[in-house]
């Protein structure tokens, strides 16, 4: 996988701003603590998660719902640990 350019990284950060406070708090913590050290594969998984509607994304982060996708498991585990 190719590296993300700085403009794309800014877009990902912008898309991390969410309408649900609970989700926004978790994603803000990810941006502050782990975002700069994510691998390209992790960034791609995170981008896929950002495509989810807020309520579904929050359910996944809170463990109320699961996504059966091996590529997303690591990112979901990281988000759940925050």
Protein backbone atom coordinates (compact mmCIF):
# COMPACT_ATOMS: atom_id res chain seq x y z
CA UNK A 1 0.00 0.00 0.00
CA UNK A 2 1.23 3.48 -0.79
CA UNK A 3 1.89 6.19 1.75
CA UNK A 4 -0.77 8.83 2.33
CA UNK A 5 0.06 12.35 1.29
CA UNK A 6 -0.26 15.22 3.80
CA UNK A 7 -3.44 16.56 2.16
CA UNK A 8 -5.13 13.16 2.46
CA UNK A 9 -4.09 12.93 6.12
CA UNK A 10 -5.73 16.31 6.74
CA UNK A 11 -8.90 15.04 5.06
CA UNK A 12 -8.92 11.97 7.30
CA UNK A 13 -8.52 14.19 10.37
CA UNK A 14 -11.38 16.40 9.18
CA UNK A 15 -13.64 13.39 8.54
CA UNK A 16 -12.90 12.25 12.10
CA UNK A 17 -15.06 15.08 13.45
CA UNK A 18 -18.39 13.44 14.19
CA UNK A 19 -21.86 14.48 15.26
CA UNK A 20 -22.06 12.21 18.30
CA UNK A 21 -20.10 13.53 21.27
CA UNK A 22 -19.23 10.04 22.55
CA UNK A 23 -17.76 9.04 19.20
CA UNK A 24 -16.04 12.38 18.75
CA UNK A 25 -14.28 11.94 22.11
CA UNK A 26 -12.89 8.53 21.16
CA UNK A 27 -11.76 9.67 17.73
CA UNK A 28 -10.17 12.80 19.19
CA UNK A 29 -8.17 10.62 21.56
CA UNK A 30 -7.06 8.45 18.63
CA UNK A 31 -5.94 11.53 16.71
CA UNK A 32 -4.00 12.85 19.69
CA UNK A 33 -2.28 9.63 20.72
CA UNK A 34 -1.98 7.22 17.78
CA UNK A 35 -2.82 8.87 14.46
CA UNK A 36 0.71 9.91 13.51
CA UNK A 37 2.05 6.39 14.07
CA UNK A 38 -0.64 4.45 12.16
CA UNK A 39 0.58 2.29 9.30
CA UNK A 40 -0.87 2.74 5.81
CA UNK A 41 -2.97 -0.43 6.33
CA UNK A 42 -4.32 0.93 9.63
CA UNK A 43 -5.11 4.27 7.99
CA UNK A 44 -6.98 2.48 5.22
CA UNK A 45 -8.98 0.51 7.79
CA UNK A 46 -9.72 3.71 9.70
CA UNK A 47 -10.93 5.38 6.51
CA UNK A 48 -13.30 2.48 5.91
CA UNK A 49 -14.67 2.84 9.43
CA UNK A 50 -15.19 6.56 8.87
CA UNK A 51 -17.65 5.65 6.11
CA UNK A 52 -20.04 4.18 8.71
CA UNK A 53 -22.95 6.27 9.96
CA UNK A 54 -22.22 7.74 13.40
CA UNK A 55 -24.62 5.49 15.32
CA UNK A 56 -23.27 2.31 13.69
CA UNK A 57 -19.67 3.46 14.21
CA UNK A 58 -20.35 4.17 17.90
CA UNK A 59 -21.97 0.74 18.34
CA UNK A 60 -18.86 -0.90 16.88
CA UNK A 61 -16.52 1.16 19.10
CA UNK A 62 -18.62 0.41 22.20
CA UNK A 63 -18.71 -3.33 21.41
CA UNK A 64 -22.47 -3.37 20.90
CA UNK A 65 -21.98 -4.42 17.26
CA UNK A 66 -19.29 -6.31 15.44
CA UNK A 67 -18.02 -6.11 11.90
CA UNK A 68 -16.95 -9.40 10.38
CA UNK A 69 -13.92 -8.07 8.51
CA UNK A 70 -10.42 -9.20 9.42
CA UNK A 71 -8.87 -6.04 7.95
CA UNK A 72 -10.78 -3.86 10.42
CA UNK A 73 -10.23 -5.94 13.57
CA UNK A 74 -6.99 -4.26 14.62
CA UNK A 75 -8.36 -0.73 14.22
CA UNK A 76 -11.56 -1.65 16.04
CA UNK A 77 -9.51 -3.13 18.90
CA UNK A 78 -7.43 0.06 19.09
CA UNK A 79 -10.54 2.26 19.19
CA UNK A 80 -12.13 0.08 21.87
CA UNK A 81 -9.02 0.39 24.02
CA UNK A 82 -9.16 4.19 24.11
